[in-house]
Amino acid sequence: MSGNEILALGLLLVGGFLVGGVVSFGRQRKWIAAVVLAVLAALAVAAGVLRLIPT
């Protein structure tokens, strides 16, 4: 695996953990925290996917 693939995998894993936090905070009705985590998760997943796309 190259460095870009490892970085992309790490970003996708972080995005997955953040999505789990969104679900957890959403169940507790803490919407501000859920929205912040959702934005961070979207950024992490988008960065991971962009790293996997060859230029």
PDB file of N, CA and C in Angstrom:
ATOM      1  N   MET A   1       0.838  -1.177   0.000  1.00  0.00           N
ATOM      2  CA  MET A   1       0.000   0.000   0.000  1.00  0.00           C
ATOM      3  C   MET A   1       0.887   1.245   0.000  1.00  0.00           C
ATOM      4  N   SER A   2       0.453   2.219  -0.767  1.00  0.00           N
ATOM      5  CA  SER A   2       1.211   3.467  -0.820  1.00  0.00           C
ATOM      6  C   SER A   2       0.782   4.389   0.321  1.00  0.00           C
ATOM      7  N   GLY A   3       1.516   5.454   0.478  1.00  0.00           N
ATOM      8  CA  GLY A   3       1.189   6.416   1.525  1.00  0.00           C
ATOM      9  C   GLY A   3      -0.170   7.053   1.335  1.00  0.00           C
ATOM     10  N   ASN A   4      -0.533   7.343   0.072  1.00  0.00           N
ATOM     11  CA  ASN A   4      -1.845   7.935  -0.198  1.00  0.00           C
ATOM     12  C   ASN A   4      -2.973   6.982   0.165  1.00  0.00           C
ATOM     13  N   GLU A   5      -2.791   5.691  -0.120  1.00  0.00           N
ATOM     14  CA  GLU A   5      -3.830   4.716   0.207  1.00  0.00           C
ATOM     15  C   GLU A   5      -3.998   4.576   1.716  1.00  0.00           C
ATOM     16  N   ILE A   6      -2.909   4.598   2.439  1.00  0.00           N
ATOM     17  CA  ILE A   6      -2.978   4.505   3.903  1.00  0.00           C
ATOM     18  C   ILE A   6      -3.656   5.743   4.480  1.00  0.00           C
ATOM     19  N   LEU A   7      -3.296   6.916   3.962  1.00  0.00           N
ATOM     20  CA  LEU A   7      -3.935   8.149   4.415  1.00  0.00           C
ATOM     21  C   LEU A   7      -5.424   8.142   4.105  1.00  0.00           C
ATOM     22  N   ALA A   8      -5.792   7.684   2.917  1.00  0.00           N
ATOM     23  CA  ALA A   8      -7.203   7.616   2.536  1.00  0.00           C
ATOM     24  C   ALA A   8      -7.956   6.653   3.452  1.00  0.00           C
ATOM     25  N   LEU A   9      -7.363   5.512   3.732  1.00  0.00           N
ATOM     26  CA  LEU A   9      -8.001   4.548   4.628  1.00  0.00           C
ATOM     27  C   LEU A   9      -8.181   5.147   6.023  1.00  0.00           C
ATOM     28  N   GLY A  10      -7.169   5.833   6.510  1.00  0.00           N
ATOM     29  CA  GLY A  10      -7.275   6.486   7.818  1.00  0.00           C
ATOM     30  C   GLY A  10      -8.374   7.535   7.843  1.00  0.00           C
ATOM     31  N   LEU A  11      -8.471   8.337   6.785  1.00  0.00           N
ATOM     32  CA  LEU A  11      -9.525   9.353   6.727  1.00  0.00           C
ATOM     33  C   LEU A  11     -10.911   8.718   6.679  1.00  0.00           C
ATOM     34  N   LEU A  12     -11.051   7.628   5.943  1.00  0.00           N
ATOM     35  CA  LEU A  12     -12.341   6.951   5.887  1.00  0.00           C
ATOM     36  C   LEU A  12     -12.700   6.330   7.241  1.00  0.00           C
ATOM     37  N   LEU A  13     -11.700   5.800   7.947  1.00  0.00           N
ATOM     38  CA  LEU A  13     -11.962   5.254   9.283  1.00  0.00           C
ATOM     39  C   LEU A  13     -12.373   6.358  10.259  1.00  0.00           C
ATOM     40  N   VAL A  14     -11.685   7.489  10.198  1.00  0.00           N
ATOM     41  CA  VAL A  14     -12.061   8.624  11.059  1.00  0.00           C
ATOM     42  C   VAL A  14     -13.479   9.074  10.734  1.00  0.00           C
ATOM     43  N   GLY A  15     -13.799   9.130   9.439  1.00  0.00           N
ATOM     44  CA  GLY A  15     -15.162   9.493   9.039  1.00  0.00           C
ATOM     45  C   GLY A  15     -16.191   8.530   9.594  1.00  0.00           C
ATOM     46  N   GLY A  16     -15.870   7.245   9.589  1.00  0.00           N
ATOM     47  CA  GLY A  16     -16.784   6.244  10.151  1.00  0.00           C
ATOM     48  C   GLY A  16     -17.003   6.422  11.644  1.00  0.00           C
ATOM     49  N   PHE A  17     -15.927   6.696  12.374  1.00  0.00           N
ATOM     50  CA  PHE A  17     -16.069   6.937  13.807  1.00  0.00           C
ATOM     51  C   PHE A  17     -16.894   8.202  14.068  1.00  0.00           C
ATOM     52  N   LEU A  18     -16.693   9.225  13.252  1.00  0.00           N
ATOM     53  CA  LEU A  18     -17.462  10.459  13.424  1.00  0.00           C
ATOM     54  C   LEU A  18     -18.936  10.233  13.131  1.00  0.00           C
ATOM     55  N   VAL A  19     -19.240   9.399  12.146  1.00  0.00           N
ATOM     56  CA  VAL A  19     -20.646   9.082  11.861  1.00  0.00           C
ATOM     57  C   VAL A  19     -21.260   8.366  13.065  1.00  0.00           C
ATOM     58  N   GLY A  20     -20.502   7.501  13.706  1.00  0.00           N
ATOM     59  CA  GLY A  20     -20.990   6.856  14.932  1.00  0.00           C
ATOM     60  C   GLY A  20     -21.277   7.872  16.020  1.00  0.00           C
ATOM     61  N   GLY A  21     -20.451   8.903  16.115  1.00  0.00           N
ATOM     62  CA  GLY A  21     -20.708   9.973  17.079  1.00  0.00           C
ATOM     63  C   GLY A  21     -21.960  10.751  16.742  1.00  0.00           C
ATOM     64  N   VAL A  22     -22.208  10.951  15.447  1.00  0.00           N
ATOM     65  CA  VAL A  22     -23.435  11.648  15.027  1.00  0.00           C
ATOM     66  C   VAL A  22     -24.651  10.860  15.473  1.00  0.00           C
ATOM     67  N   VAL A  23     -24.618   9.552  15.270  1.00  0.00           N
ATOM     68  CA  VAL A  23     -25.746   8.710  15.681  1.00  0.00           C
ATOM     69  C   VAL A  23     -25.926   8.768  17.193  1.00  0.00           C
ATOM     70  N   SER A  24     -24.831   8.704  17.920  1.00  0.00           N
ATOM     71  CA  SER A  24     -24.898   8.732  19.379  1.00  0.00           C
ATOM     72  C   SER A  24     -25.472  10.054  19.892  1.00  0.00           C
ATOM     73  N   PHE A  25     -24.951  11.176  19.375  1.00  0.00           N
ATOM     74  CA  PHE A  25     -25.455  12.471  19.827  1.00  0.00           C
ATOM     75  C   PHE A  25     -26.875  12.721  19.336  1.00  0.00           C
ATOM     76  N   GLY A  26     -27.219  12.189  18.165  1.00  0.00           N
ATOM     77  CA  GLY A  26     -28.582  12.352  17.661  1.00  0.00           C
ATOM     78  C   GLY A  26     -29.601  11.663  18.547  1.00  0.00           C
ATOM     79  N   ARG A  27     -29.227  10.514  19.078  1.00  0.00           N
ATOM     80  CA  ARG A  27     -30.141   9.791  19.982  1.00  0.00           C
ATOM     81  C   ARG A  27     -30.318  10.539  21.304  1.00  0.00           C
ATOM     82  N   GLN A  28     -29.290  11.283  21.706  1.00  0.00           N
ATOM     83  CA  GLN A  28     -29.361  12.024  22.964  1.00  0.00           C
ATOM     84  C   GLN A  28     -29.980  13.408  22.775  1.00  0.00           C
ATOM     85  N   ARG A  29     -30.389  13.728  21.546  1.00  0.00           N
ATOM     86  CA  ARG A  29     -31.008  15.014  21.210  1.00  0.00           C
ATOM     87  C   ARG A  29     -30.053  16.190  21.406  1.00  0.00           C
ATOM     88  N   LYS A  30     -28.770  15.953  21.205  1.00  0.00           N
ATOM     89  CA  LYS A  30     -27.771  17.027  21.245  1.00  0.00           C
ATOM     90  C   LYS A  30     -27.456  17.399  19.801  1.00  0.00           C
ATOM     91  N   TRP A  31     -28.297  18.244  19.224  1.00  0.00           N
ATOM     92  CA  TRP A  31     -28.241  18.485  17.790  1.00  0.00           C
ATOM     93  C   TRP A  31     -27.037  19.312  17.353  1.00  0.00           C
ATOM     94  N   ILE A  32     -26.580  20.235  18.171  1.00  0.00           N
ATOM     95  CA  ILE A  32     -25.424  21.051  17.768  1.00  0.00           C
ATOM     96  C   ILE A  32     -24.191  20.167  17.639  1.00  0.00           C
ATOM     97  N   ALA A  33     -23.965  19.309  18.606  1.00  0.00           N
ATOM     98  CA  ALA A  33     -22.824  18.396  18.539  1.00  0.00           C
ATOM     99  C   ALA A  33     -22.966  17.436  17.365  1.00  0.00           C
ATOM    100  N   ALA A  34     -24.179  16.966  17.110  1.00  0.00           N
ATOM    101  CA  ALA A  34     -24.399  16.052  15.990  1.00  0.00           C
ATOM    102  C   ALA A  34     -24.116  16.730  14.659  1.00  0.00           C
ATOM    103  N   VAL A  35     -24.516  17.984  14.512  1.00  0.00           N
ATOM    104  CA  VAL A  35     -24.273  18.709  13.263  1.00  0.00           C
ATOM    105  C   VAL A  35     -22.772  18.948  13.060  1.00  0.00           C
ATOM    106  N   VAL A  36     -22.075  19.329  14.126  1.00  0.00           N
ATOM    107  CA  VAL A  36     -20.626  19.557  14.023  1.00  0.00           C
ATOM    108  C   VAL A  36     -19.924  18.263  13.619  1.00  0.00           C
ATOM    109  N   LEU A  37     -20.279  17.158  14.235  1.00  0.00           N
ATOM    110  CA  LEU A  37     -19.659  15.879  13.886  1.00  0.00           C
ATOM    111  C   LEU A  37     -20.029  15.454  12.472  1.00  0.00           C
ATOM    112  N   ALA A  38     -21.251  15.754  12.038  1.00  0.00           N
ATOM    113  CA  ALA A  38     -21.657  15.410  10.674  1.00  0.00           C
ATOM    114  C   ALA A  38     -20.815  16.166   9.646  1.00  0.00           C
ATOM    115  N   VAL A  39     -20.551  17.431   9.910  1.00  0.00           N
ATOM    116  CA  VAL A  39     -19.719  18.226   8.995  1.00  0.00           C
ATOM    117  C   VAL A  39     -18.295  17.668   8.965  1.00  0.00           C
ATOM    118  N   LEU A  40     -17.746  17.360  10.126  1.00  0.00           N
ATOM    119  CA  LEU A  40     -16.396  16.796  10.177  1.00  0.00           C
ATOM    120  C   LEU A  40     -16.334  15.434   9.491  1.00  0.00           C
ATOM    121  N   ALA A  41     -17.371  14.622   9.675  1.00  0.00           N
ATOM    122  CA  ALA A  41     -17.405  13.310   9.025  1.00  0.00           C
ATOM    123  C   ALA A  41     -17.465  13.467   7.514  1.00  0.00           C
ATOM    124  N   ALA A  42     -18.274  14.405   7.026  1.00  0.00           N
ATOM    125  CA  ALA A  42     -18.371  14.619   5.583  1.00  0.00           C
ATOM    126  C   ALA A  42     -17.035  15.080   5.013  1.00  0.00           C
ATOM    127  N   LEU A  43     -16.345  15.961   5.718  1.00  0.00           N
ATOM    128  CA  LEU A  43     -15.040  16.425   5.253  1.00  0.00           C
ATOM    129  C   LEU A  43     -14.016  15.284   5.236  1.00  0.00           C
ATOM    130  N   ALA A  44     -14.006  14.453   6.266  1.00  0.00           N
ATOM    131  CA  ALA A  44     -13.055  13.341   6.336  1.00  0.00           C
ATOM    132  C   ALA A  44     -13.320  12.324   5.233  1.00  0.00           C
ATOM    133  N   VAL A  45     -14.583  12.001   5.009  1.00  0.00           N
ATOM    134  CA  VAL A  45     -14.914  11.028   3.962  1.00  0.00           C
ATOM    135  C   VAL A  45     -14.589  11.601   2.585  1.00  0.00           C
ATOM    136  N   ALA A  46     -14.923  12.867   2.354  1.00  0.00           N
ATOM    137  CA  ALA A  46     -14.627  13.490   1.060  1.00  0.00           C
ATOM    138  C   ALA A  46     -13.120  13.528   0.815  1.00  0.00           C
ATOM    139  N   ALA A  47     -12.344  13.859   1.826  1.00  0.00           N
ATOM    140  CA  ALA A  47     -10.888  13.880   1.671  1.00  0.00           C
ATOM    141  C   ALA A  47     -10.349  12.478   1.399  1.00  0.00           C
ATOM    142  N   GLY A  48     -10.891  11.479   2.074  1.00  0.00           N
ATOM    143  CA  GLY A  48     -10.454  10.111   1.841  1.00  0.00           C
ATOM    144  C   GLY A  48     -10.769   9.635   0.438  1.00  0.00           C
ATOM    145  N   VAL A  49     -11.959   9.947  -0.047  1.00  0.00           N
ATOM    146  CA  VAL A  49     -12.339   9.552  -1.396  1.00  0.00           C
ATOM    147  C   VAL A  49     -11.487  10.281  -2.434  1.00  0.00           C
ATOM    148  N   LEU A  50     -11.239  11.561  -2.226  1.00  0.00           N
ATOM    149  CA  LEU A  50     -10.415  12.309  -3.161  1.00  0.00           C
ATOM    150  C   LEU A  50      -8.979  11.794  -3.199  1.00  0.00           C
ATOM    151  N   ARG A  51      -8.488  11.277  -2.074  1.00  0.00           N
ATOM    152  CA  ARG A  51      -7.148  10.707  -2.053  1.00  0.00           C
ATOM    153  C   ARG A  51      -7.075   9.422  -2.882  1.00  0.00           C
ATOM    154  N   LEU A  52      -8.193   8.688  -2.970  1.00  0.00           N
ATOM    155  CA  LEU A  52      -8.197   7.428  -3.703  1.00  0.00           C
ATOM    156  C   LEU A  52      -8.336   7.622  -5.206  1.00  0.00           C
ATOM    157  N   ILE A  53      -8.874   8.761  -5.634  1.00  0.00           N
ATOM    158  CA  ILE A  53      -9.060   9.022  -7.062  1.00  0.00           C
ATOM    159  C   ILE A  53      -7.713   9.403  -7.668  1.00  0.00           C
ATOM    160  N   PRO A  54      -7.284   8.666  -8.695  1.00  0.00           N
ATOM    161  CA  PRO A  54      -5.995   9.015  -9.311  1.00  0.00           C
ATOM    162  C   PRO A  54      -6.102  10.317 -10.100  1.00  0.00           C
ATOM    163  N   THR A  55      -5.021  11.087 -10.105  1.00  0.00           N
ATOM    164  CA  THR A  55      -5.038  12.351 -10.821  1.00  0.00           C
ATOM    165  C   THR A  55      -4.483  12.203 -12.217  1.00  0.00           C
TER     166      THR A  55
END
